[in-house]
Amino acid sequence: APALAQADVAVAMNTGTQAAKEAGNMVDLDSSPTKLIEVVRIGKQ
């Protein structure tokens, strides 16, 4: 949670704790960490 709150783009897993989801500015509902690469691509697009 502390690192997620500090990061510019913070993707929290939906399977994670409430603290992690509240700290992140995105929540991956599939809880797939590889989604971060897709998030970057969508942002660039």
ModelCIF file with pLDDT and N, C-alpha, C, O atoms, coordinates in Angstrom:
data_MODEL
#
_entry.id   MODEL 
#
_entity.id                         1 
_entity.type                       polymer 
_entity.pdbx_number_of_molecules   1 
#
_entity_poly.entity_id                      1 
_entity_poly.type                           'polypeptide(L)' 
_entity_poly.nstd_linkage                   no 
_entity_poly.nstd_monomer                   no 
_entity_poly.pdbx_seq_one_letter_code       APALAQADVAVAMNTGTQAAKEAGNMVDLDSSPTKLIEVVRIGKQ 
_entity_poly.pdbx_seq_one_letter_code_can   APALAQADVAVAMNTGTQAAKEAGNMVDLDSSPTKLIEVVRIGKQ 
_entity_poly.pdbx_strand_id                 A 
#
loop_
_entity_poly_seq.entity_id 
_entity_poly_seq.num 
_entity_poly_seq.mon_id 
_entity_poly_seq.hetero 
1 1  ALA n 
1 2  PRO n 
1 3  ALA n 
1 4  LEU n 
1 5  ALA n 
1 6  GLN n 
1 7  ALA n 
1 8  ASP n 
1 9  VAL n 
1 10 ALA n 
1 11 VAL n 
1 12 ALA n 
1 13 MET n 
1 14 ASN n 
1 15 THR n 
1 16 GLY n 
1 17 THR n 
1 18 GLN n 
1 19 ALA n 
1 20 ALA n 
1 21 LYS n 
1 22 GLU n 
1 23 ALA n 
1 24 GLY n 
1 25 ASN n 
1 26 MET n 
1 27 VAL n 
1 28 ASP n 
1 29 LEU n 
1 30 ASP n 
1 31 SER n 
1 32 SER n 
1 33 PRO n 
1 34 THR n 
1 35 LYS n 
1 36 LEU n 
1 37 ILE n 
1 38 GLU n 
1 39 VAL n 
1 40 VAL n 
1 41 ARG n 
1 42 ILE n 
1 43 GLY n 
1 44 LYS n 
1 45 GLN n 
#
_struct_asym.id          A 
_struct_asym.entity_id   1 
#
loop_
_ma_qa_metric.id 
_ma_qa_metric.mode 
_ma_qa_metric.name 
_ma_qa_metric.software_group_id 
_ma_qa_metric.type 
1 global pLDDT . pLDDT 
2 local  pLDDT . pLDDT 
#
_ma_qa_metric_global.metric_id      1 
_ma_qa_metric_global.metric_value   80.11 
_ma_qa_metric_global.model_id       1 
_ma_qa_metric_global.ordinal_id     1 
#
loop_
_ma_qa_metric_local.label_asym_id 
_ma_qa_metric_local.label_comp_id 
_ma_qa_metric_local.label_seq_id 
_ma_qa_metric_local.metric_id 
_ma_qa_metric_local.metric_value 
_ma_qa_metric_local.model_id 
_ma_qa_metric_local.ordinal_id 
A ALA 1  2 82.00 1 1  
A PRO 2  2 87.00 1 2  
A ALA 3  2 86.00 1 3  
A LEU 4  2 87.00 1 4  
A ALA 5  2 87.00 1 5  
A GLN 6  2 89.00 1 6  
A ALA 7  2 89.00 1 7  
A ASP 8  2 88.00 1 8  
A VAL 9  2 88.00 1 9  
A ALA 10 2 88.00 1 10 
A VAL 11 2 87.00 1 11 
A ALA 12 2 83.00 1 12 
A MET 13 2 78.00 1 13 
A ASN 14 2 73.00 1 14 
A THR 15 2 67.00 1 15 
A GLY 16 2 70.00 1 16 
A THR 17 2 71.00 1 17 
A GLN 18 2 72.00 1 18 
A ALA 19 2 75.00 1 19 
A ALA 20 2 78.00 1 20 
A LYS 21 2 78.00 1 21 
A GLU 22 2 79.00 1 22 
A ALA 23 2 82.00 1 23 
A GLY 24 2 83.00 1 24 
A ASN 25 2 84.00 1 25 
A MET 26 2 86.00 1 26 
A VAL 27 2 84.00 1 27 
A ASP 28 2 82.00 1 28 
A LEU 29 2 74.00 1 29 
A ASP 30 2 71.00 1 30 
A SER 31 2 69.00 1 31 
A SER 32 2 68.00 1 32 
A PRO 33 2 63.00 1 33 
A THR 34 2 66.00 1 34 
A LYS 35 2 76.00 1 35 
A LEU 36 2 76.00 1 36 
A ILE 37 2 79.00 1 37 
A GLU 38 2 82.00 1 38 
A VAL 39 2 85.00 1 39 
A VAL 40 2 84.00 1 40 
A ARG 41 2 84.00 1 41 
A ILE 42 2 87.00 1 42 
A GLY 43 2 86.00 1 43 
A LYS 44 2 85.00 1 44 
A GLN 45 2 87.00 1 45 
#
loop_
_atom_site.group_PDB 
_atom_site.id 
_atom_site.type_symbol 
_atom_site.label_atom_id 
_atom_site.label_alt_id 
_atom_site.label_comp_id 
_atom_site.label_asym_id 
_atom_site.label_entity_id 
_atom_site.label_seq_id 
_atom_site.pdbx_PDB_ins_code 
_atom_site.Cartn_x 
_atom_site.Cartn_y 
_atom_site.Cartn_z 
_atom_site.occupancy 
_atom_site.B_iso_or_equiv 
_atom_site.pdbx_formal_charge 
_atom_site.auth_seq_id 
_atom_site.auth_comp_id 
_atom_site.auth_asym_id 
_atom_site.auth_atom_id 
_atom_site.pdbx_PDB_model_num 
ATOM 1   N N  . ALA A 1 1  ? 0.804   -1.229  0.000   1.00 82.00 ? 1  ALA A N  1 
ATOM 2   C CA . ALA A 1 1  ? 0.000   0.000   0.000   1.00 82.00 ? 1  ALA A CA 1 
ATOM 3   C C  . ALA A 1 1  ? 0.837   1.281   0.000   1.00 82.00 ? 1  ALA A C  1 
ATOM 4   O O  . ALA A 1 1  ? 0.531   2.186   -0.776  1.00 82.00 ? 1  ALA A O  1 
ATOM 5   N N  . PRO A 1 2  ? 1.891   1.406   0.840   1.00 87.00 ? 2  PRO A N  1 
ATOM 6   C CA . PRO A 1 2  ? 2.677   2.651   0.810   1.00 87.00 ? 2  PRO A CA 1 
ATOM 7   C C  . PRO A 1 2  ? 3.296   2.927   -0.556  1.00 87.00 ? 2  PRO A C  1 
ATOM 8   O O  . PRO A 1 2  ? 3.267   4.061   -1.032  1.00 87.00 ? 2  PRO A O  1 
ATOM 9   N N  . ALA A 1 3  ? 3.856   1.897   -1.188  1.00 86.00 ? 3  ALA A N  1 
ATOM 10  C CA . ALA A 1 3  ? 4.480   2.074   -2.496  1.00 86.00 ? 3  ALA A CA 1 
ATOM 11  C C  . ALA A 1 3  ? 3.431   2.386   -3.564  1.00 86.00 ? 3  ALA A C  1 
ATOM 12  O O  . ALA A 1 3  ? 3.675   3.204   -4.451  1.00 86.00 ? 3  ALA A O  1 
ATOM 13  N N  . LEU A 1 4  ? 2.265   1.737   -3.482  1.00 87.00 ? 4  LEU A N  1 
ATOM 14  C CA . LEU A 1 4  ? 1.193   2.009   -4.439  1.00 87.00 ? 4  LEU A CA 1 
ATOM 15  C C  . LEU A 1 4  ? 0.722   3.455   -4.326  1.00 87.00 ? 4  LEU A C  1 
ATOM 16  O O  . LEU A 1 4  ? 0.461   4.113   -5.333  1.00 87.00 ? 4  LEU A O  1 
ATOM 17  N N  . ALA A 1 5  ? 0.618   3.937   -3.106  1.00 87.00 ? 5  ALA A N  1 
ATOM 18  C CA . ALA A 1 5  ? 0.181   5.324   -2.895  1.00 87.00 ? 5  ALA A CA 1 
ATOM 19  C C  . ALA A 1 5  ? 1.197   6.309   -3.455  1.00 87.00 ? 5  ALA A C  1 
ATOM 20  O O  . ALA A 1 5  ? 0.826   7.403   -3.881  1.00 87.00 ? 5  ALA A O  1 
ATOM 21  N N  . GLN A 1 6  ? 2.471   5.937   -3.461  1.00 89.00 ? 6  GLN A N  1 
ATOM 22  C CA . GLN A 1 6  ? 3.534   6.825   -3.936  1.00 89.00 ? 6  GLN A CA 1 
ATOM 23  C C  . GLN A 1 6  ? 3.688   6.779   -5.451  1.00 89.00 ? 6  GLN A C  1 
ATOM 24  O O  . GLN A 1 6  ? 4.050   7.789   -6.055  1.00 89.00 ? 6  GLN A O  1 
ATOM 25  N N  . ALA A 1 7  ? 3.423   5.636   -6.083  1.00 89.00 ? 7  ALA A N  1 
ATOM 26  C CA . ALA A 1 7  ? 3.646   5.469   -7.525  1.00 89.00 ? 7  ALA A CA 1 
ATOM 27  C C  . ALA A 1 7  ? 2.721   6.375   -8.328  1.00 89.00 ? 7  ALA A C  1 
ATOM 28  O O  . ALA A 1 7  ? 1.615   6.695   -7.892  1.00 89.00 ? 7  ALA A O  1 
ATOM 29  N N  . ASP A 1 8  ? 3.187   6.784   -9.504  1.00 88.00 ? 8  ASP A N  1 
ATOM 30  C CA . ASP A 1 8  ? 2.374   7.629   -10.384 1.00 88.00 ? 8  ASP A CA 1 
ATOM 31  C C  . ASP A 1 8  ? 1.219   6.836   -10.985 1.00 88.00 ? 8  ASP A C  1 
ATOM 32  O O  . ASP A 1 8  ? 0.112   7.354   -11.132 1.00 88.00 ? 8  ASP A O  1 
ATOM 33  N N  . VAL A 1 9  ? 1.481   5.588   -11.329 1.00 88.00 ? 9  VAL A N  1 
ATOM 34  C CA . VAL A 1 9  ? 0.433   4.676   -11.797 1.00 88.00 ? 9  VAL A CA 1 
ATOM 35  C C  . VAL A 1 9  ? 0.490   3.448   -10.906 1.00 88.00 ? 9  VAL A C  1 
ATOM 36  O O  . VAL A 1 9  ? 1.482   2.720   -10.910 1.00 88.00 ? 9  VAL A O  1 
ATOM 37  N N  . ALA A 1 10 ? -0.566  3.215   -10.143 1.00 88.00 ? 10 ALA A N  1 
ATOM 38  C CA . ALA A 1 10 ? -0.577  2.137   -9.156  1.00 88.00 ? 10 ALA A CA 1 
ATOM 39  C C  . ALA A 1 10 ? -1.739  1.202   -9.448  1.00 88.00 ? 10 ALA A C  1 
ATOM 40  O O  . ALA A 1 10 ? -2.900  1.557   -9.243  1.00 88.00 ? 10 ALA A O  1 
ATOM 41  N N  . VAL A 1 11 ? -1.419  0.004   -9.930  1.00 87.00 ? 11 VAL A N  1 
ATOM 42  C CA . VAL A 1 11 ? -2.450  -0.973  -10.277 1.00 87.00 ? 11 VAL A CA 1 
ATOM 43  C C  . VAL A 1 11 ? -2.566  -1.987  -9.147  1.00 87.00 ? 11 VAL A C  1 
ATOM 44  O O  . VAL A 1 11 ? -1.671  -2.809  -8.947  1.00 87.00 ? 11 VAL A O  1 
ATOM 45  N N  . ALA A 1 12 ? -3.669  -1.926  -8.410  1.00 83.00 ? 12 ALA A N  1 
ATOM 46  C CA . ALA A 1 12 ? -3.910  -2.866  -7.317  1.00 83.00 ? 12 ALA A CA 1 
ATOM 47  C C  . ALA A 1 12 ? -4.718  -4.045  -7.833  1.00 83.00 ? 12 ALA A C  1 
ATOM 48  O O  . ALA A 1 12 ? -5.594  -3.890  -8.684  1.00 83.00 ? 12 ALA A O  1 
ATOM 49  N N  . MET A 1 13 ? -4.411  -5.232  -7.303  1.00 78.00 ? 13 MET A N  1 
ATOM 50  C CA . MET A 1 13 ? -5.146  -6.433  -7.696  1.00 78.00 ? 13 MET A CA 1 
ATOM 51  C C  . MET A 1 13 ? -6.479  -6.493  -6.949  1.00 78.00 ? 13 MET A C  1 
ATOM 52  O O  . MET A 1 13 ? -6.545  -6.187  -5.759  1.00 78.00 ? 13 MET A O  1 
ATOM 53  N N  . ASN A 1 14 ? -7.536  -6.889  -7.653  1.00 73.00 ? 14 ASN A N  1 
ATOM 54  C CA . ASN A 1 14 ? -8.844  -7.004  -7.017  1.00 73.00 ? 14 ASN A CA 1 
ATOM 55  C C  . ASN A 1 14 ? -8.861  -8.084  -5.939  1.00 73.00 ? 14 ASN A C  1 
ATOM 56  O O  . ASN A 1 14 ? -9.664  -8.024  -5.008  1.00 73.00 ? 14 ASN A O  1 
ATOM 57  N N  . THR A 1 15 ? -7.963  -9.087  -6.067  1.00 67.00 ? 15 THR A N  1 
ATOM 58  C CA . THR A 1 15 ? -7.885  -10.137 -5.059  1.00 67.00 ? 15 THR A CA 1 
ATOM 59  C C  . THR A 1 15 ? -7.109  -9.678  -3.833  1.00 67.00 ? 15 THR A C  1 
ATOM 60  O O  . THR A 1 15 ? -7.034  -10.400 -2.839  1.00 67.00 ? 15 THR A O  1 
ATOM 61  N N  . GLY A 1 16 ? -6.535  -8.488  -3.898  1.00 70.00 ? 16 GLY A N  1 
ATOM 62  C CA . GLY A 1 16 ? -5.708  -7.992  -2.802  1.00 70.00 ? 16 GLY A CA 1 
ATOM 63  C C  . GLY A 1 16 ? -6.517  -7.417  -1.664  1.00 70.00 ? 16 GLY A C  1 
ATOM 64  O O  . GLY A 1 16 ? -7.744  -7.505  -1.639  1.00 70.00 ? 16 GLY A O  1 
ATOM 65  N N  . THR A 1 17 ? -5.805  -6.828  -0.726  1.00 71.00 ? 17 THR A N  1 
ATOM 66  C CA . THR A 1 17 ? -6.448  -6.280  0.468   1.00 71.00 ? 17 THR A CA 1 
ATOM 67  C C  . THR A 1 17 ? -7.117  -4.947  0.167   1.00 71.00 ? 17 THR A C  1 
ATOM 68  O O  . THR A 1 17 ? -6.828  -4.301  -0.840  1.00 71.00 ? 17 THR A O  1 
ATOM 69  N N  . GLN A 1 18 ? -8.011  -4.550  1.055   1.00 72.00 ? 18 GLN A N  1 
ATOM 70  C CA . GLN A 1 18 ? -8.700  -3.280  0.910   1.00 72.00 ? 18 GLN A CA 1 
ATOM 71  C C  . GLN A 1 18 ? -7.703  -2.131  0.927   1.00 72.00 ? 18 GLN A C  1 
ATOM 72  O O  . GLN A 1 18 ? -7.870  -1.144  0.210   1.00 72.00 ? 18 GLN A O  1 
ATOM 73  N N  . ALA A 1 19 ? -6.663  -2.262  1.750   1.00 75.00 ? 19 ALA A N  1 
ATOM 74  C CA . ALA A 1 19 ? -5.655  -1.203  1.834   1.00 75.00 ? 19 ALA A CA 1 
ATOM 75  C C  . ALA A 1 19 ? -4.964  -1.005  0.494   1.00 75.00 ? 19 ALA A C  1 
ATOM 76  O O  . ALA A 1 19 ? -4.720  0.130   0.086   1.00 75.00 ? 19 ALA A O  1 
ATOM 77  N N  . ALA A 1 20 ? -4.646  -2.097  -0.194  1.00 78.00 ? 20 ALA A N  1 
ATOM 78  C CA . ALA A 1 20 ? -3.988  -1.997  -1.497  1.00 78.00 ? 20 ALA A CA 1 
ATOM 79  C C  . ALA A 1 20 ? -4.910  -1.346  -2.519  1.00 78.00 ? 20 ALA A C  1 
ATOM 80  O O  . ALA A 1 20 ? -4.479  -0.496  -3.299  1.00 78.00 ? 20 ALA A O  1 
ATOM 81  N N  . LYS A 1 21 ? -6.193  -1.750  -2.513  1.00 78.00 ? 21 LYS A N  1 
ATOM 82  C CA . LYS A 1 21 ? -7.136  -1.191  -3.492  1.00 78.00 ? 21 LYS A CA 1 
ATOM 83  C C  . LYS A 1 21 ? -7.390  0.294   -3.257  1.00 78.00 ? 21 LYS A C  1 
ATOM 84  O O  . LYS A 1 21 ? -7.572  1.055   -4.207  1.00 78.00 ? 21 LYS A O  1 
ATOM 85  N N  . GLU A 1 22 ? -7.402  0.700   -2.002  1.00 79.00 ? 22 GLU A N  1 
ATOM 86  C CA . GLU A 1 22 ? -7.610  2.113   -1.700  1.00 79.00 ? 22 GLU A CA 1 
ATOM 87  C C  . GLU A 1 22 ? -6.376  2.941   -2.029  1.00 79.00 ? 22 GLU A C  1 
ATOM 88  O O  . GLU A 1 22 ? -6.496  4.122   -2.353  1.00 79.00 ? 22 GLU A O  1 
ATOM 89  N N  . ALA A 1 23 ? -5.190  2.341   -1.952  1.00 82.00 ? 23 ALA A N  1 
ATOM 90  C CA . ALA A 1 23 ? -3.955  3.068   -2.240  1.00 82.00 ? 23 ALA A CA 1 
ATOM 91  C C  . ALA A 1 23 ? -3.727  3.222   -3.734  1.00 82.00 ? 23 ALA A C  1 
ATOM 92  O O  . ALA A 1 23 ? -3.126  4.206   -4.165  1.00 82.00 ? 23 ALA A O  1 
ATOM 93  N N  . GLY A 1 24 ? -4.197  2.264   -4.536  1.00 83.00 ? 24 GLY A N  1 
ATOM 94  C CA . GLY A 1 24 ? -3.963  2.316   -5.980  1.00 83.00 ? 24 GLY A CA 1 
ATOM 95  C C  . GLY A 1 24 ? -4.901  3.290   -6.665  1.00 83.00 ? 24 GLY A C  1 
ATOM 96  O O  . GLY A 1 24 ? -5.973  3.609   -6.152  1.00 83.00 ? 24 GLY A O  1 
ATOM 97  N N  . ASN A 1 25 ? -4.471  3.770   -7.859  1.00 84.00 ? 25 ASN A N  1 
ATOM 98  C CA . ASN A 1 25 ? -5.379  4.603   -8.651  1.00 84.00 ? 25 ASN A CA 1 
ATOM 99  C C  . ASN A 1 25 ? -5.998  3.815   -9.803  1.00 84.00 ? 25 ASN A C  1 
ATOM 100 O O  . ASN A 1 25 ? -6.738  4.370   -10.616 1.00 84.00 ? 25 ASN A O  1 
ATOM 101 N N  . MET A 1 26 ? -5.691  2.522   -9.867  1.00 86.00 ? 26 MET A N  1 
ATOM 102 C CA . MET A 1 26 ? -6.362  1.582   -10.772 1.00 86.00 ? 26 MET A CA 1 
ATOM 103 C C  . MET A 1 26 ? -6.524  0.256   -10.034 1.00 86.00 ? 26 MET A C  1 
ATOM 104 O O  . MET A 1 26 ? -5.718  -0.094  -9.172  1.00 86.00 ? 26 MET A O  1 
ATOM 105 N N  . VAL A 1 27 ? -7.578  -0.472  -10.386 1.00 84.00 ? 27 VAL A N  1 
ATOM 106 C CA . VAL A 1 27 ? -7.788  -1.808  -9.823  1.00 84.00 ? 27 VAL A CA 1 
ATOM 107 C C  . VAL A 1 27 ? -7.988  -2.778  -10.972 1.00 84.00 ? 27 VAL A C  1 
ATOM 108 O O  . VAL A 1 27 ? -8.877  -2.596  -11.804 1.00 84.00 ? 27 VAL A O  1 
ATOM 109 N N  . ASP A 1 28 ? -7.154  -3.813  -11.013 1.00 82.00 ? 28 ASP A N  1 
ATOM 110 C CA . ASP A 1 28 ? -7.274  -4.846  -12.033 1.00 82.00 ? 28 ASP A CA 1 
ATOM 111 C C  . ASP A 1 28 ? -8.240  -5.912  -11.535 1.00 82.00 ? 28 ASP A C  1 
ATOM 112 O O  . ASP A 1 28 ? -7.934  -6.663  -10.609 1.00 82.00 ? 28 ASP A O  1 
ATOM 113 N N  . LEU A 1 29 ? -9.411  -5.968  -12.162 1.00 74.00 ? 29 LEU A N  1 
ATOM 114 C CA . LEU A 1 29 ? -10.456 -6.872  -11.698 1.00 74.00 ? 29 LEU A CA 1 
ATOM 115 C C  . LEU A 1 29 ? -10.101 -8.335  -11.949 1.00 74.00 ? 29 LEU A C  1 
ATOM 116 O O  . LEU A 1 29 ? -10.640 -9.224  -11.290 1.00 74.00 ? 29 LEU A O  1 
ATOM 117 N N  . ASP A 1 30 ? -9.198  -8.593  -12.899 1.00 71.00 ? 30 ASP A N  1 
ATOM 118 C CA . ASP A 1 30 ? -8.757  -9.958  -13.172 1.00 71.00 ? 30 ASP A CA 1 
ATOM 119 C C  . ASP A 1 30 ? -7.599  -10.376 -12.281 1.00 71.00 ? 30 ASP A C  1 
ATOM 120 O O  . ASP A 1 30 ? -7.232  -11.550 -12.241 1.00 71.00 ? 30 ASP A O  1 
ATOM 121 N N  . SER A 1 31 ? -7.020  -9.409  -11.561 1.00 69.00 ? 31 SER A N  1 
ATOM 122 C CA . SER A 1 31 ? -5.877  -9.672  -10.687 1.00 69.00 ? 31 SER A CA 1 
ATOM 123 C C  . SER A 1 31 ? -4.732  -10.337 -11.449 1.00 69.00 ? 31 SER A C  1 
ATOM 124 O O  . SER A 1 31 ? -4.131  -11.302 -10.977 1.00 69.00 ? 31 SER A O  1 
ATOM 125 N N  . SER A 1 32 ? -4.444  -9.805  -12.633 1.00 68.00 ? 32 SER A N  1 
ATOM 126 C CA . SER A 1 32 ? -3.346  -10.314 -13.459 1.00 68.00 ? 32 SER A CA 1 
ATOM 127 C C  . SER A 1 32 ? -2.259  -9.248  -13.521 1.00 68.00 ? 32 SER A C  1 
ATOM 128 O O  . SER A 1 32 ? -2.438  -8.240  -14.205 1.00 68.00 ? 32 SER A O  1 
ATOM 129 N N  . PRO A 1 33 ? -1.133  -9.439  -12.824 1.00 63.00 ? 33 PRO A N  1 
ATOM 130 C CA . PRO A 1 33 ? -0.105  -8.406  -12.793 1.00 63.00 ? 33 PRO A CA 1 
ATOM 131 C C  . PRO A 1 33 ? 0.440   -8.020  -14.165 1.00 63.00 ? 33 PRO A C  1 
ATOM 132 O O  . PRO A 1 33 ? 0.932   -6.905  -14.338 1.00 63.00 ? 33 PRO A O  1 
ATOM 133 N N  . THR A 1 34 ? 0.360   -8.929  -15.148 1.00 66.00 ? 34 THR A N  1 
ATOM 134 C CA . THR A 1 34 ? 0.840   -8.590  -16.487 1.00 66.00 ? 34 THR A CA 1 
ATOM 135 C C  . THR A 1 34 ? -0.015  -7.494  -17.122 1.00 66.00 ? 34 THR A C  1 
ATOM 136 O O  . THR A 1 34 ? 0.379   -6.905  -18.129 1.00 66.00 ? 34 THR A O  1 
ATOM 137 N N  . LYS A 1 35 ? -1.169  -7.222  -16.543 1.00 76.00 ? 35 LYS A N  1 
ATOM 138 C CA . LYS A 1 35 ? -2.059  -6.188  -17.075 1.00 76.00 ? 35 LYS A CA 1 
ATOM 139 C C  . LYS A 1 35 ? -1.393  -4.826  -17.080 1.00 76.00 ? 35 LYS A C  1 
ATOM 140 O O  . LYS A 1 35 ? -1.802  -3.947  -17.839 1.00 76.00 ? 35 LYS A O  1 
ATOM 141 N N  . LEU A 1 36 ? -0.373  -4.628  -16.248 1.00 76.00 ? 36 LEU A N  1 
ATOM 142 C CA . LEU A 1 36 ? 0.307   -3.341  -16.171 1.00 76.00 ? 36 LEU A CA 1 
ATOM 143 C C  . LEU A 1 36 ? 0.872   -2.940  -17.528 1.00 76.00 ? 36 LEU A C  1 
ATOM 144 O O  . LEU A 1 36 ? 0.842   -1.766  -17.895 1.00 76.00 ? 36 LEU A O  1 
ATOM 145 N N  . ILE A 1 37 ? 1.390   -3.921  -18.276 1.00 79.00 ? 37 ILE A N  1 
ATOM 146 C CA . ILE A 1 37 ? 1.923   -3.623  -19.604 1.00 79.00 ? 37 ILE A CA 1 
ATOM 147 C C  . ILE A 1 37 ? 0.797   -3.141  -20.517 1.00 79.00 ? 37 ILE A C  1 
ATOM 148 O O  . ILE A 1 37 ? 0.989   -2.211  -21.300 1.00 79.00 ? 37 ILE A O  1 
ATOM 149 N N  . GLU A 1 38 ? -0.372  -3.767  -20.420 1.00 82.00 ? 38 GLU A N  1 
ATOM 150 C CA . GLU A 1 38 ? -1.519  -3.358  -21.227 1.00 82.00 ? 38 GLU A CA 1 
ATOM 151 C C  . GLU A 1 38 ? -2.010  -1.975  -20.823 1.00 82.00 ? 38 GLU A C  1 
ATOM 152 O O  . GLU A 1 38 ? -2.424  -1.189  -21.676 1.00 82.00 ? 38 GLU A O  1 
ATOM 153 N N  . VAL A 1 39 ? -1.968  -1.674  -19.533 1.00 85.00 ? 39 VAL A N  1 
ATOM 154 C CA . VAL A 1 39 ? -2.365  -0.348  -19.049 1.00 85.00 ? 39 VAL A CA 1 
ATOM 155 C C  . VAL A 1 39 ? -1.474  0.722   -19.664 1.00 85.00 ? 39 VAL A C  1 
ATOM 156 O O  . VAL A 1 39 ? -1.962  1.764   -20.103 1.00 85.00 ? 39 VAL A O  1 
ATOM 157 N N  . VAL A 1 40 ? -0.160  0.466   -19.696 1.00 84.00 ? 40 VAL A N  1 
ATOM 158 C CA . VAL A 1 40 ? 0.779   1.427   -20.292 1.00 84.00 ? 40 VAL A CA 1 
ATOM 159 C C  . VAL A 1 40 ? 0.451   1.638   -21.765 1.00 84.00 ? 40 VAL A C  1 
ATOM 160 O O  . VAL A 1 40 ? 0.474   2.766   -22.257 1.00 84.00 ? 40 VAL A O  1 
ATOM 161 N N  . ARG A 1 41 ? 0.149   0.555   -22.461 1.00 84.00 ? 41 ARG A N  1 
ATOM 162 C CA . ARG A 1 41 ? -0.166  0.667   -23.885 1.00 84.00 ? 41 ARG A CA 1 
ATOM 163 C C  . ARG A 1 41 ? -1.443  1.470   -24.116 1.00 84.00 ? 41 ARG A C  1 
ATOM 164 O O  . ARG A 1 41 ? -1.511  2.287   -25.034 1.00 84.00 ? 41 ARG A O  1 
ATOM 165 N N  . ILE A 1 42 ? -2.452  1.236   -23.281 1.00 87.00 ? 42 ILE A N  1 
ATOM 166 C CA . ILE A 1 42 ? -3.706  1.987   -23.416 1.00 87.00 ? 42 ILE A CA 1 
ATOM 167 C C  . ILE A 1 42 ? -3.467  3.462   -23.117 1.00 87.00 ? 42 ILE A C  1 
ATOM 168 O O  . ILE A 1 42 ? -4.021  4.329   -23.794 1.00 87.00 ? 42 ILE A O  1 
ATOM 169 N N  . GLY A 1 43 ? -2.638  3.759   -22.097 1.00 86.00 ? 43 GLY A N  1 
ATOM 170 C CA . GLY A 1 43 ? -2.315  5.150   -21.784 1.00 86.00 ? 43 GLY A CA 1 
ATOM 171 C C  . GLY A 1 43 ? -1.600  5.835   -22.926 1.00 86.00 ? 43 GLY A C  1 
ATOM 172 O O  . GLY A 1 43 ? -1.909  6.976   -23.270 1.00 86.00 ? 43 GLY A O  1 
ATOM 173 N N  . LYS A 1 44 ? -0.635  5.132   -23.518 1.00 85.00 ? 44 LYS A N  1 
ATOM 174 C CA . LYS A 1 44 ? 0.086   5.705   -24.653 1.00 85.00 ? 44 LYS A CA 1 
ATOM 175 C C  . LYS A 1 44 ? -0.840  5.866   -25.855 1.00 85.00 ? 44 LYS A C  1 
ATOM 176 O O  . LYS A 1 44 ? -0.743  6.844   -26.596 1.00 85.00 ? 44 LYS A O  1 
ATOM 177 N N  . GLN A 1 45 ? -1.736  4.901   -26.044 1.00 87.00 ? 45 GLN A N  1 
ATOM 178 C CA . GLN A 1 45 ? -2.669  5.003   -27.164 1.00 87.00 ? 45 GLN A CA 1 
ATOM 179 C C  . GLN A 1 45 ? -3.605  6.198   -26.986 1.00 87.00 ? 45 GLN A C  1 
ATOM 180 O O  . GLN A 1 45 ? -4.462  6.443   -27.835 1.00 87.00 ? 45 GLN A O  1 
#
